Amino acid sequence: MTALQIARPPSASRVTMSSIMSPHDTNLMGTVHGGVILKLIDSVAGVVAARHSEGPAVTASMDETAFLVAVRVGDVVHVDAQITWTGRSSMEVAVRVTADRWDASVPPTTVATAHLVMVAVDDEGHPRPVPPLALTSPADVRRNREAEIRRTHRLALRAALQDAA
């Protein structure tokens, strides 16, 4: 049995990255630019996907991104990500972004959420197989079921847009 045939739990590739937001990260409103948060989301999702697939992975789509609360200079941003679904060569990564003050004077607040589809690629950039996901808890099963729903919606949207073209 190869490593790719062995199912891996979401916990095996889960990642958290933290960063202090600086004035360099701000937009014209004086809060952290949404693009800075998106880059953090994409970067962490890429690490999670690469760990799960044991090699390079690229972003195929980013959807269901919700900015819930503005992030300020001096906030410590924490980006948590984990695999929620796997296919033949693609994976869905769920990301939650929280922020708290650098001096920890307030508890962390969820500021953004997103779901990304990542595709594992070989040296030539072609899709390659990924290990299946081992669902080890009721929460893993729930997240996987929700990911299947999002996948169905993405595929239906793609088909509808292609039909309309």
Protein backbone atom coordinates (compact mmCIF):
# COMPACT_ATOMS: atom_id res chain seq x y z
CA MET A 1 0.00 0.00 0.00
CA THR A 2 1.45 3.41 -0.97
CA ALA A 3 1.36 6.50 1.23
CA LEU A 4 -1.31 7.98 -1.06
CA GLN A 5 -3.68 5.11 -0.28
CA ILE A 6 -3.48 5.65 3.47
CA ALA A 7 -6.22 7.97 4.72
CA ARG A 8 -4.99 10.92 6.77
CA PRO A 9 -7.03 12.76 9.43
CA PRO A 10 -7.52 16.54 9.20
CA SER A 11 -5.39 16.94 12.32
CA ALA A 12 -2.33 15.61 10.46
CA SER A 13 -2.12 18.72 8.27
CA ARG A 14 -3.89 21.39 10.36
CA VAL A 15 -1.95 24.68 10.51
CA THR A 16 -2.18 27.91 12.51
CA MET A 17 -0.16 30.98 11.54
CA SER A 18 -0.08 34.21 13.54
CA SER A 19 1.03 37.66 12.44
CA ILE A 20 0.96 41.16 13.94
CA MET A 21 -0.68 43.65 11.58
CA SER A 22 1.36 46.78 10.86
CA PRO A 23 0.67 50.18 9.27
CA HIS A 24 2.08 48.72 6.02
CA ASP A 25 -0.98 46.38 5.92
CA THR A 26 -3.63 49.13 5.98
CA ASN A 27 -6.04 50.41 3.36
CA LEU A 28 -7.39 53.93 2.87
CA MET A 29 -9.88 53.36 5.70
CA GLY A 30 -7.04 52.81 8.18
CA THR A 31 -7.89 49.15 8.74
CA VAL A 32 -6.06 46.08 7.43
CA HIS A 33 -6.57 45.64 3.70
CA GLY A 34 -8.78 42.69 2.75
CA GLY A 35 -6.13 41.60 0.27
CA VAL A 36 -3.63 41.14 3.11
CA ILE A 37 -6.09 38.82 4.85
CA LEU A 38 -6.77 36.97 1.57
CA LYS A 39 -3.06 36.40 1.04
CA LEU A 40 -2.72 34.97 4.54
CA ILE A 41 -5.73 32.71 3.92
CA ASP A 42 -4.32 31.47 0.60
CA SER A 43 -0.83 30.92 2.02
CA VAL A 44 -2.01 28.86 4.99
CA ALA A 45 -4.43 26.84 2.81
CA GLY A 46 -1.51 26.05 0.51
CA VAL A 47 0.57 24.74 3.40
CA VAL A 48 -2.31 22.57 4.67
CA ALA A 49 -2.93 21.14 1.18
CA ALA A 50 0.78 20.48 0.60
CA ARG A 51 1.06 18.70 3.94
CA HIS A 52 -2.00 16.55 3.29
CA SER A 53 -0.99 15.67 -0.26
CA GLU A 54 2.72 15.39 0.58
CA GLY A 55 3.74 17.72 -2.24
CA PRO A 56 2.88 20.93 -4.09
CA ALA A 57 -0.70 22.14 -4.37
CA VAL A 58 -2.19 25.15 -6.13
CA THR A 59 -5.34 27.19 -5.51
CA ALA A 60 -8.18 26.25 -7.86
CA SER A 61 -10.87 28.38 -6.23
CA MET A 62 -11.59 30.50 -3.19
CA ASP A 63 -15.21 30.81 -2.26
CA GLU A 64 -17.47 31.61 0.61
CA THR A 65 -15.03 34.22 1.89
CA ALA A 66 -16.72 36.39 4.50
CA PHE A 67 -15.13 39.43 6.13
CA LEU A 68 -16.95 39.77 9.44
CA VAL A 69 -15.02 42.37 11.47
CA ALA A 70 -12.34 44.91 10.50
CA VAL A 71 -8.78 44.16 11.56
CA ARG A 72 -6.70 47.01 12.99
CA VAL A 73 -3.02 47.85 13.17
CA GLY A 74 -1.57 46.08 16.19
CA ASP A 75 -4.02 43.19 16.04
CA VAL A 76 -2.51 39.72 16.16
CA VAL A 77 -4.15 37.76 13.36
CA HIS A 78 -4.38 33.97 13.69
CA VAL A 79 -5.17 31.96 10.55
CA ASP A 80 -6.35 28.39 11.27
CA ALA A 81 -6.88 25.94 8.39
CA GLN A 82 -7.67 22.29 7.88
CA ILE A 83 -8.73 19.85 5.18
CA THR A 84 -12.48 19.18 5.12
CA TRP A 85 -12.86 17.10 1.93
CA THR A 86 -10.72 15.27 -0.60
CA GLY A 87 -11.36 14.07 -4.12
CA ARG A 88 -9.04 12.39 -6.60
CA SER A 89 -6.60 15.32 -6.87
CA SER A 90 -8.42 18.17 -5.14
CA MET A 91 -8.99 19.11 -1.53
CA GLU A 92 -11.20 21.62 0.23
CA VAL A 93 -9.51 23.64 2.95
CA ALA A 94 -11.58 25.52 5.52
CA VAL A 95 -9.98 28.63 6.99
CA ARG A 96 -10.94 30.70 10.03
CA VAL A 97 -9.21 34.00 10.80
CA THR A 98 -9.31 35.44 14.30
CA ALA A 99 -7.73 38.58 15.72
CA ASP A 100 -6.89 39.89 19.15
CA ARG A 101 -4.99 42.88 20.46
CA TRP A 102 -1.22 42.51 20.75
CA ASP A 103 -1.50 42.92 24.54
CA ALA A 104 -4.25 40.24 24.73
CA SER A 105 -6.64 42.71 26.40
CA VAL A 106 -9.64 41.18 24.62
CA PRO A 107 -10.42 37.61 23.61
CA PRO A 108 -9.87 36.61 19.96
CA THR A 109 -12.68 37.58 17.58
CA THR A 110 -13.48 35.75 14.35
CA VAL A 111 -12.82 38.28 11.58
CA ALA A 112 -13.04 36.16 8.40
CA THR A 113 -13.82 32.69 7.10
CA ALA A 114 -13.16 31.08 3.74
CA HIS A 115 -13.19 27.80 1.84
CA LEU A 116 -10.59 27.05 -0.83
CA VAL A 117 -10.23 24.23 -3.32
CA MET A 118 -6.61 23.22 -3.74
CA VAL A 119 -5.28 20.83 -6.38
CA ALA A 120 -2.20 18.69 -5.84
CA VAL A 121 0.19 18.95 -8.78
CA ASP A 122 3.25 17.07 -9.98
CA ASP A 123 6.52 18.56 -11.27
CA GLU A 124 4.91 19.35 -14.65
CA GLY A 125 1.92 21.07 -13.04
CA HIS A 126 -0.50 18.22 -13.79
CA PRO A 127 -3.01 17.07 -11.15
CA ARG A 128 -1.82 14.15 -9.02
CA PRO A 129 -3.71 11.87 -6.60
CA VAL A 130 -4.16 12.86 -2.95
CA PRO A 131 -4.68 10.65 0.11
CA PRO A 132 -8.27 10.17 1.23
CA LEU A 133 -9.46 11.96 4.36
CA ALA A 134 -9.90 9.92 7.56
CA LEU A 135 -12.91 11.32 9.38
CA THR A 136 -12.12 10.67 13.04
CA SER A 137 -14.72 12.74 14.88
CA PRO A 138 -18.35 13.81 14.53
CA ALA A 139 -17.08 17.33 13.75
CA ASP A 140 -14.92 15.95 10.89
CA VAL A 141 -17.97 14.10 9.50
CA ARG A 142 -20.10 17.28 9.71
CA ARG A 143 -17.44 19.44 8.03
CA ASN A 144 -17.01 16.82 5.29
CA ARG A 145 -20.78 16.69 4.66
CA GLU A 146 -20.90 20.51 4.44
CA ALA A 147 -17.91 20.43 2.04
CA GLU A 148 -19.78 17.98 -0.21
CA ILE A 149 -22.68 20.45 -0.35
CA ARG A 150 -20.33 23.29 -1.31
CA ARG A 151 -18.73 21.07 -3.98
CA THR A 152 -22.16 20.27 -5.44
CA HIS A 153 -22.97 24.00 -5.56
CA ARG A 154 -19.61 24.87 -7.19
CA LEU A 155 -20.10 22.23 -9.88
CA ALA A 156 -23.70 23.30 -10.52
CA LEU A 157 -22.64 26.96 -10.81
CA ARG A 158 -19.83 26.07 -13.23
CA ALA A 159 -22.23 24.05 -15.39
CA ALA A 160 -24.84 26.82 -15.39
CA LEU A 161 -22.26 29.44 -16.39
CA GLN A 162 -20.93 27.22 -19.18
CA ASP A 163 -24.47 26.65 -20.45
CA ALA A 164 -25.14 30.40 -20.42
CA ALA A 165 -22.01 31.19 -22.45
